[in-house]
Protein backbone atom coordinates (compact mmCIF):
# COMPACT_ATOMS: atom_id res chain seq x y z
CA MET A 1 10.04 1.48 4.65
CA LEU A 2 8.62 0.90 0.76
CA ARG A 3 11.60 2.50 -0.99
CA LYS A 4 13.96 -0.74 0.31
CA ALA A 5 10.92 -3.27 -0.05
CA PRO A 6 11.08 -5.76 -2.70
CA SER A 7 8.92 -4.95 -5.61
CA GLN A 8 7.16 -8.01 -6.38
CA ILE A 9 3.13 -7.93 -5.40
CA PRO A 10 2.19 -11.15 -3.12
CA GLY A 11 -0.48 -13.20 -5.29
CA ALA A 12 -0.30 -11.62 -8.35
CA PRO A 13 2.67 -13.48 -10.08
CA GLY A 14 4.56 -11.48 -12.34
CA LYS A 15 3.27 -8.03 -10.97
CA PHE A 16 6.02 -5.67 -9.60
CA TYR A 17 5.85 -1.73 -8.25
CA GLY A 18 8.98 0.06 -9.65
CA TRP A 19 11.44 2.23 -7.30
CA ARG A 20 9.41 5.38 -8.23
CA GLU A 21 5.71 3.87 -7.86
CA ARG A 22 6.73 2.67 -4.00
CA VAL A 23 8.03 5.87 -3.17
CA GLU A 24 5.01 7.71 -4.88
CA MET A 25 2.79 5.07 -2.63
CA GLU A 26 4.43 5.88 0.57
CA LYS A 27 3.62 9.56 0.25
CA LYS A 28 0.27 9.34 -0.90
CA ILE A 29 -0.57 6.80 1.99
CA PHE A 30 1.21 7.82 4.88
CA GLY A 31 2.59 11.41 4.14
CA LYS A 32 5.67 12.91 4.72
CA LYS A 33 5.03 13.17 8.45
CA TYR A 34 5.77 9.94 9.28
CA GLY A 35 9.50 9.44 8.40
CA THR A 36 10.69 6.29 8.82
CA HIS A 37 8.51 4.94 11.87
CA ILE A 38 4.67 4.76 11.39
CA SER A 39 2.51 3.32 14.54
CA GLU A 40 0.46 0.47 14.52
CA ARG A 41 -2.50 2.40 14.92
CA GLU A 42 -1.60 4.63 12.05
CA PHE A 43 -1.01 1.76 9.91
CA GLU A 44 -4.41 0.45 10.45
CA LYS A 45 -6.10 3.58 10.25
CA ARG A 46 -4.37 3.96 6.61
CA MET A 47 -5.76 0.32 5.68
CA ARG A 48 -9.07 0.99 6.84
CA GLU A 49 -9.09 4.29 4.39
CA LEU A 50 -7.66 1.87 1.47
CA GLY A 51 -10.60 -0.34 2.48
CA LYS A 52 -13.60 2.41 2.14
CA GLU A 53 -11.82 4.11 -1.17
CA LYS A 54 -11.90 0.18 -2.55
CA PHE A 55 -15.80 -0.18 -2.01
CA ARG A 56 -16.22 2.83 -3.35
CA ALA A 57 -14.26 2.18 -6.28
CA ARG A 58 -16.72 1.83 -9.65
CA THR A 59 -14.52 -0.24 -11.72
CA GLY A 60 -13.01 -3.93 -11.11
CA ALA A 61 -9.92 -2.30 -12.42
CA GLU A 62 -9.75 -0.07 -9.50
CA LYS A 63 -10.82 -2.41 -6.79
CA MET A 64 -7.78 -4.78 -8.16
CA GLU A 65 -5.39 -2.22 -8.14
CA ILE A 66 -6.41 -1.15 -4.88
CA ASP A 67 -6.64 -5.03 -3.68
CA ARG A 68 -2.80 -5.32 -4.77
CA LEU A 69 -2.00 -2.38 -3.19
CA MET A 70 -3.29 -3.03 0.03
CA ARG A 71 -1.67 -7.02 -0.18
CA TYR A 72 1.53 -5.36 -0.83
CA ILE A 73 1.22 -2.77 2.33
CA LYS A 74 0.46 -5.54 4.37
CA GLN A 75 3.24 -7.54 4.06
CA PHE A 76 5.08 -4.79 5.97
CA ARG A 77 2.87 -4.69 9.07
CA GLY A 78 5.91 -5.49 11.57
CA LYS A 79 4.55 -7.95 14.02
């Protein structure tokens, strides 16, 4: 899903995720067991987990990075 995705982050002009970053992001968030298809329910579950992680982040830079990640992943929801 994220390996072939465009690298630009929505809402952050001039910010990009490289191919290796996208592959690691996919493994970290969704794990290996899902393969190429992720259910809508699992997607929403992972987004809630990222929201909680953003809430627990201590610095503004950490919160901004998690927010960018969430915006980037939301564009692939696939409705």
